[in-house]
Amino acid sequence: MPIKTLNFSGRRWIVKKRNRPYGPGPNYFSDSDNNVWLDSKGRLHLKITKTKGDWHCAEVYLEKSLGHGRYTFHLDNNVEKIDKNVILGLFVYFDLKNEIDIEFSK
């Protein structure tokens, strides 16, 4: 099965796909254009959709860690309006022992 990738913010990102519950979560992850896409302005969109009775979320990650440094995330949506059943996780993952998590939920 080919791995879907996106070119976003000057980097190549892998789009996660899992048809069975998988971490974090456990969640189903979709690489469908309904879940993960770039718009005409080059902005990344991640969406949760319901398919055949199951909720499918979206995740993208870099092929290789960028290492230590300064990371900035820009969000266009107001995270205060996030659904009570959703957690938005922004992760900087270095290795099995070094990870920074920023999570938004109600």
C-alpha atoms as a PDB file:
ATOM      1  CA  MET A   1       0.000   0.000   0.000  1.00  0.00           C
ATOM      2  CA  PRO A   2       1.550   3.344  -1.016  1.00  0.00           C
ATOM      3  CA  ILE A   3       2.113   5.960   1.673  1.00  0.00           C
ATOM      4  CA  LYS A   4       0.412   9.303   1.063  1.00  0.00           C
ATOM      5  CA  THR A   5       2.554  12.395   1.573  1.00  0.00           C
ATOM      6  CA  LEU A   6       1.979  16.151   1.470  1.00  0.00           C
ATOM      7  CA  ASN A   7       4.367  19.019   0.833  1.00  0.00           C
ATOM      8  CA  PHE A   8       3.452  21.561   3.490  1.00  0.00           C
ATOM      9  CA  SER A   9       5.414  24.469   4.960  1.00  0.00           C
ATOM     10  CA  GLY A  10       8.497  23.570   2.958  1.00  0.00           C
ATOM     11  CA  ARG A  11       8.618  19.984   4.227  1.00  0.00           C
ATOM     12  CA  ARG A  12       7.381  16.552   3.203  1.00  0.00           C
ATOM     13  CA  TRP A  13       4.804  15.099   5.617  1.00  0.00           C
ATOM     14  CA  ILE A  14       3.509  11.531   5.867  1.00  0.00           C
ATOM     15  CA  VAL A  15      -0.262  11.123   6.265  1.00  0.00           C
ATOM     16  CA  LYS A  16      -1.093   8.464   8.842  1.00  0.00           C
ATOM     17  CA  LYS A  17      -3.525   5.703   7.839  1.00  0.00           C
ATOM     18  CA  ARG A  18      -4.791   2.922  10.103  1.00  0.00           C
ATOM     19  CA  ASN A  19      -7.946   0.880   9.459  1.00  0.00           C
ATOM     20  CA  ARG A  20      -7.888  -0.575  12.971  1.00  0.00           C
ATOM     21  CA  PRO A  21      -7.764   1.258  16.292  1.00  0.00           C
ATOM     22  CA  TYR A  22      -4.247   2.618  16.764  1.00  0.00           C
ATOM     23  CA  GLY A  23      -2.498   5.076  19.074  1.00  0.00           C
ATOM     24  CA  PRO A  24      -2.800   7.628  20.178  1.00  0.00           C
ATOM     25  CA  GLY A  25      -6.312   6.875  21.156  1.00  0.00           C
ATOM     26  CA  PRO A  26      -6.986   4.215  20.002  1.00  0.00           C
ATOM     27  CA  ASN A  27      -8.233   5.891  16.833  1.00  0.00           C
ATOM     28  CA  TYR A  28      -8.912   5.122  13.197  1.00  0.00           C
ATOM     29  CA  PHE A  29      -6.734   7.313  10.953  1.00  0.00           C
ATOM     30  CA  SER A  30      -7.713   8.247   7.401  1.00  0.00           C
ATOM     31  CA  ASP A  31      -5.524   9.512   4.574  1.00  0.00           C
ATOM     32  CA  SER A  32      -8.617  10.448   2.537  1.00  0.00           C
ATOM     33  CA  ASP A  33      -8.774  13.872   0.905  1.00  0.00           C
ATOM     34  CA  ASN A  34     -11.899  14.337   3.065  1.00  0.00           C
ATOM     35  CA  ASN A  35      -9.698  14.186   6.175  1.00  0.00           C
ATOM     36  CA  VAL A  36      -6.357  15.697   5.119  1.00  0.00           C
ATOM     37  CA  TRP A  37      -5.774  18.290   2.405  1.00  0.00           C
ATOM     38  CA  LEU A  38      -4.053  21.516   1.441  1.00  0.00           C
ATOM     39  CA  ASP A  39      -6.225  24.388   0.274  1.00  0.00           C
ATOM     40  CA  SER A  40      -5.457  26.828  -2.538  1.00  0.00           C
ATOM     41  CA  LYS A  41      -3.476  29.030  -0.116  1.00  0.00           C
ATOM     42  CA  GLY A  42      -1.312  26.072   0.968  1.00  0.00           C
ATOM     43  CA  ARG A  43      -2.938  25.764   4.403  1.00  0.00           C
ATOM     44  CA  LEU A  44      -3.155  22.297   5.949  1.00  0.00           C
ATOM     45  CA  HIS A  45      -6.605  21.012   6.925  1.00  0.00           C
ATOM     46  CA  LEU A  46      -7.202  18.068   9.272  1.00  0.00           C
ATOM     47  CA  LYS A  47     -10.779  16.891   9.700  1.00  0.00           C
ATOM     48  CA  ILE A  48     -12.626  14.161  11.608  1.00  0.00           C
ATOM     49  CA  THR A  49     -15.228  12.286   9.533  1.00  0.00           C
ATOM     50  CA  LYS A  50     -17.663   9.437  10.137  1.00  0.00           C
ATOM     51  CA  THR A  51     -17.325   6.554   7.656  1.00  0.00           C
ATOM     52  CA  LYS A  52     -19.357   3.340   7.837  1.00  0.00           C
ATOM     53  CA  GLY A  53     -20.246   4.029  11.468  1.00  0.00           C
ATOM     54  CA  ASP A  54     -16.663   4.737  12.624  1.00  0.00           C
ATOM     55  CA  TRP A  55     -15.041   8.079  13.311  1.00  0.00           C
ATOM     56  CA  HIS A  56     -11.784   8.649  11.412  1.00  0.00           C
ATOM     57  CA  CYS A  57      -9.288  11.309  12.413  1.00  0.00           C
ATOM     58  CA  ALA A  58      -6.272  12.802  10.685  1.00  0.00           C
ATOM     59  CA  GLU A  59      -2.575  12.962  11.514  1.00  0.00           C
ATOM     60  CA  VAL A  60       0.491  14.094   9.622  1.00  0.00           C
ATOM     61  CA  TYR A  61       4.109  13.793  10.681  1.00  0.00           C
ATOM     62  CA  LEU A  62       7.522  14.563   9.249  1.00  0.00           C
ATOM     63  CA  GLU A  63       9.648  11.784   7.812  1.00  0.00           C
ATOM     64  CA  LYS A  64      12.465  12.736  10.167  1.00  0.00           C
ATOM     65  CA  SER A  65      12.714  14.755  13.379  1.00  0.00           C
ATOM     66  CA  LEU A  66      14.057  18.286  13.014  1.00  0.00           C
ATOM     67  CA  GLY A  67      15.722  18.060  16.422  1.00  0.00           C
ATOM     68  CA  HIS A  68      15.759  20.586  19.212  1.00  0.00           C
ATOM     69  CA  GLY A  69      14.860  24.184  18.516  1.00  0.00           C
ATOM     70  CA  ARG A  70      11.975  26.615  18.402  1.00  0.00           C
ATOM     71  CA  TYR A  71       8.658  25.376  17.023  1.00  0.00           C
ATOM     72  CA  THR A  72       5.640  27.535  16.195  1.00  0.00           C
ATOM     73  CA  PHE A  73       2.132  26.296  15.376  1.00  0.00           C
ATOM     74  CA  HIS A  74      -0.415  28.614  13.761  1.00  0.00           C
ATOM     75  CA  LEU A  75      -4.102  27.671  14.027  1.00  0.00           C
ATOM     76  CA  ASP A  76      -6.911  29.368  12.106  1.00  0.00           C
ATOM     77  CA  ASN A  77      -9.695  27.916  14.265  1.00  0.00           C
ATOM     78  CA  ASN A  78     -10.634  28.976  17.779  1.00  0.00           C
ATOM     79  CA  VAL A  79      -9.664  26.031  19.989  1.00  0.00           C
ATOM     80  CA  GLU A  80     -12.167  27.218  22.622  1.00  0.00           C
ATOM     81  CA  LYS A  81     -14.908  25.997  20.258  1.00  0.00           C
ATOM     82  CA  ILE A  82     -13.518  22.456  19.972  1.00  0.00           C
ATOM     83  CA  ASP A  83     -16.093  19.676  20.347  1.00  0.00           C
ATOM     84  CA  LYS A  84     -16.147  18.018  23.782  1.00  0.00           C
ATOM     85  CA  ASN A  85     -15.305  14.661  22.145  1.00  0.00           C
ATOM     86  CA  VAL A  86     -12.203  15.942  20.334  1.00  0.00           C
ATOM     87  CA  ILE A  87      -8.624  16.438  21.418  1.00  0.00           C
ATOM     88  CA  LEU A  88      -6.302  18.454  19.193  1.00  0.00           C
ATOM     89  CA  GLY A  89      -2.748  17.292  19.749  1.00  0.00           C
ATOM     90  CA  LEU A  90       0.314  19.111  18.447  1.00  0.00           C
ATOM     91  CA  PHE A  91       3.436  17.044  19.030  1.00  0.00           C
ATOM     92  CA  VAL A  92       7.147  17.554  18.650  1.00  0.00           C
ATOM     93  CA  TYR A  93       8.554  14.040  18.796  1.00  0.00           C
ATOM     94  CA  PHE A  94      12.312  13.548  18.995  1.00  0.00           C
ATOM     95  CA  ASP A  95      12.645   9.902  20.072  1.00  0.00           C
ATOM     96  CA  LEU A  96      11.105   7.381  22.488  1.00  0.00           C
ATOM     97  CA  LYS A  97      12.127   9.457  25.522  1.00  0.00           C
ATOM     98  CA  ASN A  98      11.758  13.031  24.265  1.00  0.00           C
ATOM     99  CA  GLU A  99       8.404  14.418  23.200  1.00  0.00           C
ATOM    100  CA  ILE A 100       6.593  17.711  23.710  1.00  0.00           C
ATOM    101  CA  ASP A 101       2.782  17.609  23.601  1.00  0.00           C
ATOM    102  CA  ILE A 102       0.418  20.537  23.303  1.00  0.00           C
ATOM    103  CA  GLU A 103      -3.185  19.385  23.644  1.00  0.00           C
ATOM    104  CA  PHE A 104      -6.498  21.218  23.459  1.00  0.00           C
ATOM    105  CA  SER A 105      -9.740  19.697  24.757  1.00  0.00           C
ATOM    106  CA  LYS A 106     -12.797  20.470  26.880  1.00  0.00           C
END
